[in-house]
Amino acid sequence: MTAAIAVKSALELIGICLLIWGLLHEKKLIAFEQKVWRILFVNYKRYQRKKRYAKMQKNRDFRVVDGNTAALAPRKRDCKPSHVA
C-alpha cells in the first residue's frame, strides 16, 4: 500500500465519520454553519470598508504641478499656522 492510497483512505474514512456525525447532530451542524457564514460575512464587509477607506484617502491626495515637477500638496493639518514664523 503506497502512502498516497493510505492518505486517501484515511481522508475518506474521516469524511464518512463527519457525514454520520452531521446526520446525528444536525442542529449543532446548522448552528456551526451559520456561525461560520456570519464570521465570513463580517470579515468581508470589514475588508470592503478598509478598501473603500484606502481608496478615499488616496483620492484625497492631489498633485500640484509646477513646470515639469509634480509634488503632493500638503494637507491642511500638515501646514504650519500662518501666525507661526
Protein backbone atom coordinates (compact mmCIF):
# COMPACT_ATOMS: atom_id res chain seq x y z
CA MET A 1 0.00 0.00 0.00
CA THR A 2 1.52 3.29 -1.04
CA ALA A 3 1.39 6.44 1.05
CA ALA A 4 -1.00 8.14 -1.37
CA ILE A 5 -3.54 5.32 -1.08
CA ALA A 6 -3.23 5.34 2.72
CA VAL A 7 -3.80 9.10 2.90
CA LYS A 8 -6.75 8.88 0.51
CA SER A 9 -8.32 6.06 2.53
CA ALA A 10 -7.84 7.98 5.79
CA LEU A 11 -9.48 11.10 4.32
CA GLU A 12 -12.42 9.04 3.04
CA LEU A 13 -12.86 7.46 6.47
CA ILE A 14 -12.78 10.88 8.14
CA GLY A 15 -15.31 12.17 5.61
CA ILE A 16 -17.69 9.29 6.29
CA CYS A 17 -17.37 9.81 10.05
CA LEU A 18 -18.12 13.53 9.67
CA LEU A 19 -21.14 12.77 7.46
CA ILE A 20 -22.58 10.35 10.05
CA TRP A 21 -21.90 12.85 12.87
CA GLY A 22 -23.63 15.57 10.83
CA LEU A 23 -26.70 13.42 10.34
CA LEU A 24 -26.90 12.63 14.06
CA HIS A 25 -26.24 16.22 15.25
CA GLU A 26 -27.97 18.23 12.57
CA LYS A 27 -28.92 21.20 14.76
CA LYS A 28 -25.35 21.65 16.01
CA LEU A 29 -24.07 21.46 12.45
CA ILE A 30 -26.55 24.09 11.23
CA ALA A 31 -25.61 26.41 14.11
CA PHE A 32 -21.92 25.95 13.27
CA GLU A 33 -22.55 26.70 9.57
CA GLN A 34 -24.47 29.87 10.45
CA LYS A 35 -21.67 30.99 12.77
CA VAL A 36 -19.04 30.42 10.07
CA TRP A 37 -21.10 32.31 7.46
CA ARG A 38 -21.61 35.19 9.89
CA ILE A 39 -17.87 35.41 10.57
CA LEU A 40 -17.05 35.32 6.86
CA PHE A 41 -19.69 37.96 6.07
CA VAL A 42 -18.48 40.34 8.80
CA ASN A 43 -14.84 39.97 7.78
CA TYR A 44 -15.72 40.51 4.11
CA LYS A 45 -17.64 43.67 4.96
CA ARG A 46 -14.71 44.86 7.10
CA TYR A 47 -12.33 44.18 4.18
CA GLN A 48 -14.56 46.17 1.82
CA ARG A 49 -14.76 49.06 4.29
CA LYS A 50 -10.95 49.18 4.66
CA LYS A 51 -10.51 49.05 0.90
CA ARG A 52 -13.04 51.86 0.40
CA TYR A 53 -11.34 53.98 3.07
CA ALA A 54 -7.89 53.44 1.50
CA LYS A 55 -9.26 54.44 -1.90
CA MET A 56 -10.87 57.53 -0.40
CA GLN A 57 -7.59 58.50 1.31
CA LYS A 58 -5.71 58.01 -1.95
CA ASN A 59 -8.17 60.23 -3.80
CA ARG A 60 -7.73 62.98 -1.22
CA ASP A 61 -4.05 63.36 -2.12
CA PHE A 62 -3.76 65.62 -5.14
CA ARG A 63 -0.77 66.81 -7.07
CA VAL A 64 0.39 70.37 -7.66
CA VAL A 65 2.18 70.71 -10.96
CA ASP A 66 4.90 73.34 -11.14
CA GLY A 67 6.55 73.32 -14.56
CA ASN A 68 7.95 69.83 -15.14
CA THR A 69 7.85 68.71 -11.48
CA ALA A 70 4.88 67.36 -9.61
CA ALA A 71 4.63 67.04 -5.85
CA LEU A 72 1.96 66.14 -3.34
CA ALA A 73 0.20 69.18 -1.99
CA PRO A 74 0.43 69.46 1.79
CA ARG A 75 -2.73 68.66 3.67
CA LYS A 76 -4.24 71.28 5.87
CA ARG A 77 -3.12 69.52 9.04
CA ASP A 78 0.45 69.31 7.67
CA CYS A 79 0.70 73.06 7.11
CA LYS A 80 2.05 75.39 9.74
CA PRO A 81 -0.35 78.00 11.10
CA SER A 82 0.02 81.43 9.48
CA HIS A 83 0.86 83.17 12.76
CA VAL A 84 3.92 80.92 13.40
CA ALA A 85 7.15 82.26 11.92
